[in-house]
PDB file of N, CA and C in Angstrom:
ATOM      1  N   MET A   1     -53.009  62.141 -27.054  1.00  0.00           N
ATOM      2  CA  MET A   1     -53.583  61.886 -28.377  1.00  0.00           C
ATOM      3  C   MET A   1     -53.729  60.375 -28.614  1.00  0.00           C
ATOM      4  N   GLN A   2     -52.670  59.644 -28.262  1.00  0.00           N
ATOM      5  CA  GLN A   2     -52.684  58.189 -28.465  1.00  0.00           C
ATOM      6  C   GLN A   2     -53.757  57.522 -27.593  1.00  0.00           C
ATOM      7  N   ALA A   3     -53.855  57.987 -26.351  1.00  0.00           N
ATOM      8  CA  ALA A   3     -54.844  57.422 -25.432  1.00  0.00           C
ATOM      9  C   ALA A   3     -56.256  57.680 -25.960  1.00  0.00           C
ATOM     10  N   MET A   4     -56.474  58.839 -26.560  1.00  0.00           N
ATOM     11  CA  MET A   4     -57.774  59.193 -27.118  1.00  0.00           C
ATOM     12  C   MET A   4     -58.139  58.228 -28.246  1.00  0.00           C
ATOM     13  N   ASN A   5     -57.157  57.938 -29.110  1.00  0.00           N
ATOM     14  CA  ASN A   5     -57.394  57.018 -30.220  1.00  0.00           C
ATOM     15  C   ASN A   5     -57.743  55.616 -29.721  1.00  0.00           C
ATOM     16  N   VAL A   6     -57.005  55.172 -28.713  1.00  0.00           N
ATOM     17  CA  VAL A   6     -57.265  53.846 -28.133  1.00  0.00           C
ATOM     18  C   VAL A   6     -58.680  53.788 -27.577  1.00  0.00           C
ATOM     19  N   HIS A   7     -59.080  54.847 -26.890  1.00  0.00           N
ATOM     20  CA  HIS A   7     -60.416  54.916 -26.300  1.00  0.00           C
ATOM     21  C   HIS A   7     -61.486  54.856 -27.386  1.00  0.00           C
ATOM     22  N   GLN A   8     -61.259  55.572 -28.490  1.00  0.00           N
ATOM     23  CA  GLN A   8     -62.219  55.564 -29.600  1.00  0.00           C
ATOM     24  C   GLN A   8     -62.338  54.170 -30.210  1.00  0.00           C
ATOM     25  N   VAL A   9     -61.200  53.503 -30.377  1.00  0.00           N
ATOM     26  CA  VAL A   9     -61.203  52.142 -30.942  1.00  0.00           C
ATOM     27  C   VAL A   9     -61.970  51.196 -30.024  1.00  0.00           C
ATOM     28  N   VAL A  10     -61.743  51.321 -28.705  1.00  0.00           N
ATOM     29  CA  VAL A  10     -62.444  50.472 -27.734  1.00  0.00           C
ATOM     30  C   VAL A  10     -63.942  50.728 -27.807  1.00  0.00           C
ATOM     31  N   GLN A  11     -64.333  51.990 -27.872  1.00  0.00           N
ATOM     32  CA  GLN A  11     -65.755  52.331 -27.968  1.00  0.00           C
ATOM     33  C   GLN A  11     -66.367  51.762 -29.242  1.00  0.00           C
ATOM     34  N   ARG A  12     -65.642  51.873 -30.364  1.00  0.00           N
ATOM     35  CA  ARG A  12     -66.145  51.368 -31.638  1.00  0.00           C
ATOM     36  C   ARG A  12     -66.326  49.850 -31.559  1.00  0.00           C
ATOM     37  N   GLY A  13     -65.344  49.160 -30.941  1.00  0.00           N
ATOM     38  CA  GLY A  13     -65.424  47.705 -30.778  1.00  0.00           C
ATOM     39  C   GLY A  13     -66.613  47.309 -29.928  1.00  0.00           C
ATOM     40  N   ARG A  14     -66.852  48.058 -28.856  1.00  0.00           N
ATOM     41  CA  ARG A  14     -67.984  47.784 -27.971  1.00  0.00           C
ATOM     42  C   ARG A  14     -69.293  47.987 -28.720  1.00  0.00           C
ATOM     43  N   GLY A  15     -69.342  49.020 -29.534  1.00  0.00           N
ATOM     44  CA  GLY A  15     -70.542  49.307 -30.322  1.00  0.00           C
ATOM     45  C   GLY A  15     -70.841  48.193 -31.305  1.00  0.00           C
ATOM     46  N   GLN A  16     -69.800  47.677 -31.957  1.00  0.00           N
ATOM     47  CA  GLN A  16     -69.986  46.578 -32.905  1.00  0.00           C
ATOM     48  C   GLN A  16     -70.450  45.322 -32.178  1.00  0.00           C
ATOM     49  N   ARG A  17     -69.899  45.089 -30.997  1.00  0.00           N
ATOM     50  CA  ARG A  17     -70.280  43.912 -30.217  1.00  0.00           C
ATOM     51  C   ARG A  17     -71.748  43.986 -29.816  1.00  0.00           C
ATOM     52  N   LEU A  18     -72.237  45.209 -29.570  1.00  0.00           N
ATOM     53  CA  LEU A  18     -73.642  45.391 -29.230  1.00  0.00           C
ATOM     54  C   LEU A  18     -74.530  45.302 -30.465  1.00  0.00           C
ATOM     55  N   LEU A  19     -73.967  45.679 -31.618  1.00  0.00           N
ATOM     56  CA  LEU A  19     -74.746  45.671 -32.856  1.00  0.00           C
ATOM     57  C   LEU A  19     -75.068  44.257 -33.322  1.00  0.00           C
ATOM     58  N   VAL A  20     -74.172  43.317 -33.076  1.00  0.00           N
ATOM     59  CA  VAL A  20     -74.367  41.951 -33.570  1.00  0.00           C
ATOM     60  C   VAL A  20     -75.633  41.306 -32.989  1.00  0.00           C
ATOM     61  N   PRO A  21     -75.849  41.303 -31.662  1.00  0.00           N
ATOM     62  CA  PRO A  21     -77.097  40.735 -31.139  1.00  0.00           C
ATOM     63  C   PRO A  21     -78.326  41.509 -31.597  1.00  0.00           C
ATOM     64  N   ALA A  22     -78.196  42.820 -31.754  1.00  0.00           N
ATOM     65  CA  ALA A  22     -79.315  43.636 -32.227  1.00  0.00           C
ATOM     66  C   ALA A  22     -79.696  43.227 -33.640  1.00  0.00           C
ATOM     67  N   LYS A  23     -78.678  43.043 -34.501  1.00  0.00           N
ATOM     68  CA  LYS A  23     -78.937  42.592 -35.872  1.00  0.00           C
ATOM     69  C   LYS A  23     -79.590  41.221 -35.873  1.00  0.00           C
ATOM     70  N   ALA A  24     -79.085  40.324 -35.018  1.00  0.00           N
ATOM     71  CA  ALA A  24     -79.641  38.969 -34.929  1.00  0.00           C
ATOM     72  C   ALA A  24     -81.110  39.022 -34.489  1.00  0.00           C
ATOM     73  N   LEU A  25     -81.414  39.889 -33.530  1.00  0.00           N
ATOM     74  CA  LEU A  25     -82.789  40.046 -33.058  1.00  0.00           C
ATOM     75  C   LEU A  25     -83.696  40.577 -34.155  1.00  0.00           C
ATOM     76  N   ILE A  26     -83.196  41.555 -34.933  1.00  0.00           N
ATOM     77  CA  ILE A  26     -83.976  42.137 -36.024  1.00  0.00           C
ATOM     78  C   ILE A  26     -84.277  41.070 -37.077  1.00  0.00           C
ATOM     79  N   VAL A  27     -83.244  40.296 -37.435  1.00  0.00           N
ATOM     80  CA  VAL A  27     -83.431  39.229 -38.423  1.00  0.00           C
ATOM     81  C   VAL A  27     -84.417  38.187 -37.901  1.00  0.00           C
ATOM     82  N   LEU A  28     -84.264  37.820 -36.623  1.00  0.00           N
ATOM     83  CA  LEU A  28     -85.150  36.836 -36.002  1.00  0.00           C
ATOM     84  C   LEU A  28     -86.599  37.339 -35.994  1.00  0.00           C
ATOM     85  N   ALA A  29     -86.781  38.585 -35.601  1.00  0.00           N
ATOM     86  CA  ALA A  29     -88.123  39.171 -35.557  1.00  0.00           C
ATOM     87  C   ALA A  29     -88.718  39.250 -36.961  1.00  0.00           C
ATOM     88  N   PHE A  30     -87.904  39.591 -37.941  1.00  0.00           N
ATOM     89  CA  PHE A  30     -88.377  39.699 -39.324  1.00  0.00           C
ATOM     90  C   PHE A  30     -88.810  38.334 -39.853  1.00  0.00           C
ATOM     91  N   THR A  31     -87.956  37.321 -39.667  1.00  0.00           N
ATOM     92  CA  THR A  31     -88.291  35.977 -40.157  1.00  0.00           C
ATOM     93  C   THR A  31     -89.523  35.441 -39.431  1.00  0.00           C
ATOM     94  N   TRP A  32     -89.624  35.685 -38.127  1.00  0.00           N
ATOM     95  CA  TRP A  32     -90.790  35.257 -37.348  1.00  0.00           C
ATOM     96  C   TRP A  32     -92.034  35.985 -37.840  1.00  0.00           C
ATOM     97  N   GLY A  33     -91.900  37.289 -38.103  1.00  0.00           N
ATOM     98  CA  GLY A  33     -93.030  38.084 -38.591  1.00  0.00           C
ATOM     99  C   GLY A  33     -93.512  37.619 -39.954  1.00  0.00           C
ATOM    100  N   VAL A  34     -92.609  37.078 -40.753  1.00  0.00           N
ATOM    101  CA  VAL A  34     -92.983  36.583 -42.086  1.00  0.00           C
ATOM    102  C   VAL A  34     -93.479  35.139 -42.003  1.00  0.00           C
ATOM    103  N   LEU A  35     -92.758  34.312 -41.239  1.00  0.00           N
ATOM    104  CA  LEU A  35     -93.076  32.873 -41.210  1.00  0.00           C
ATOM    105  C   LEU A  35     -94.363  32.582 -40.436  1.00  0.00           C
ATOM    106  N   TYR A  36     -94.580  33.283 -39.345  1.00  0.00           N
ATOM    107  CA  TYR A  36     -95.722  32.985 -38.483  1.00  0.00           C
ATOM    108  C   TYR A  36     -97.076  33.181 -39.186  1.00  0.00           C
ATOM    109  N   PRO A  37     -97.325  34.338 -39.835  1.00  0.00           N
ATOM    110  CA  PRO A  37     -98.598  34.491 -40.561  1.00  0.00           C
ATOM    111  C   PRO A  37     -98.732  33.482 -41.698  1.00  0.00           C
ATOM    112  N   THR A  38     -97.632  33.174 -42.385  1.00  0.00           N
ATOM    113  CA  THR A  38     -97.653  32.185 -43.466  1.00  0.00           C
ATOM    114  C   THR A  38     -98.044  30.817 -42.911  1.00  0.00           C
ATOM    115  N   LEU A  39     -97.460  30.470 -41.767  1.00  0.00           N
ATOM    116  CA  LEU A  39     -97.769  29.199 -41.114  1.00  0.00           C
ATOM    117  C   LEU A  39     -99.245  29.151 -40.707  1.00  0.00           C
ATOM    118  N   LEU A  40     -99.740  30.248 -40.116  1.00  0.00           N
ATOM    119  CA  LEU A  40    -101.148  30.315 -39.716  1.00  0.00           C
ATOM    120  C   LEU A  40    -102.065  30.196 -40.927  1.00  0.00           C
ATOM    121  N   TRP A  41    -101.694  30.887 -42.016  1.00  0.00           N
ATOM    122  CA  TRP A  41    -102.515  30.872 -43.230  1.00  0.00           C
ATOM    123  C   TRP A  41    -102.568  29.473 -43.823  1.00  0.00           C
ATOM    124  N   SER A  42    -101.405  28.801 -43.886  1.00  0.00           N
ATOM    125  CA  SER A  42    -101.353  27.443 -44.449  1.00  0.00           C
ATOM    126  C   SER A  42    -102.130  26.464 -43.561  1.00  0.00           C
ATOM    127  N   LEU A  43    -102.052  26.647 -42.242  1.00  0.00           N
ATOM    128  CA  LEU A  43    -102.796  25.781 -41.321  1.00  0.00           C
ATOM    129  C   LEU A  43    -104.298  25.998 -41.484  1.00  0.00           C
ATOM    130  N   ARG A  44    -104.723  27.240 -41.637  1.00  0.00           N
ATOM    131  CA  ARG A  44    -106.137  27.570 -41.825  1.00  0.00           C
ATOM    132  C   ARG A  44    -106.614  27.003 -43.159  1.00  0.00           C
ATOM    133  N   HIS A  45    -105.706  27.001 -44.145  1.00  0.00           N
ATOM    134  CA  HIS A  45    -106.029  26.490 -45.473  1.00  0.00           C
ATOM    135  C   HIS A  45    -106.209  24.969 -45.434  1.00  0.00           C
ATOM    136  N   VAL A  46    -105.413  24.299 -44.567  1.00  0.00           N
ATOM    137  CA  VAL A  46    -105.448  22.832 -44.471  1.00  0.00           C
ATOM    138  C   VAL A  46    -106.723  22.385 -43.759  1.00  0.00           C
ATOM    139  N   PHE A  47    -107.031  23.013 -42.615  1.00  0.00           N
ATOM    140  CA  PHE A  47    -108.175  22.573 -41.818  1.00  0.00           C
ATOM    141  C   PHE A  47    -109.502  23.130 -42.309  1.00  0.00           C
TER     142      PHE A  47
END
């Protein structure tokens, strides 16, 4: 029973460790998706 609990905790920790880069990628993609068209629009507006 104890070994099972330890295994579950390890799996949960591994999952969280994998979630952090995924979250960072999602945030990065979102900010890029918002900033890039805005940047293009402002550049088109300037020239």
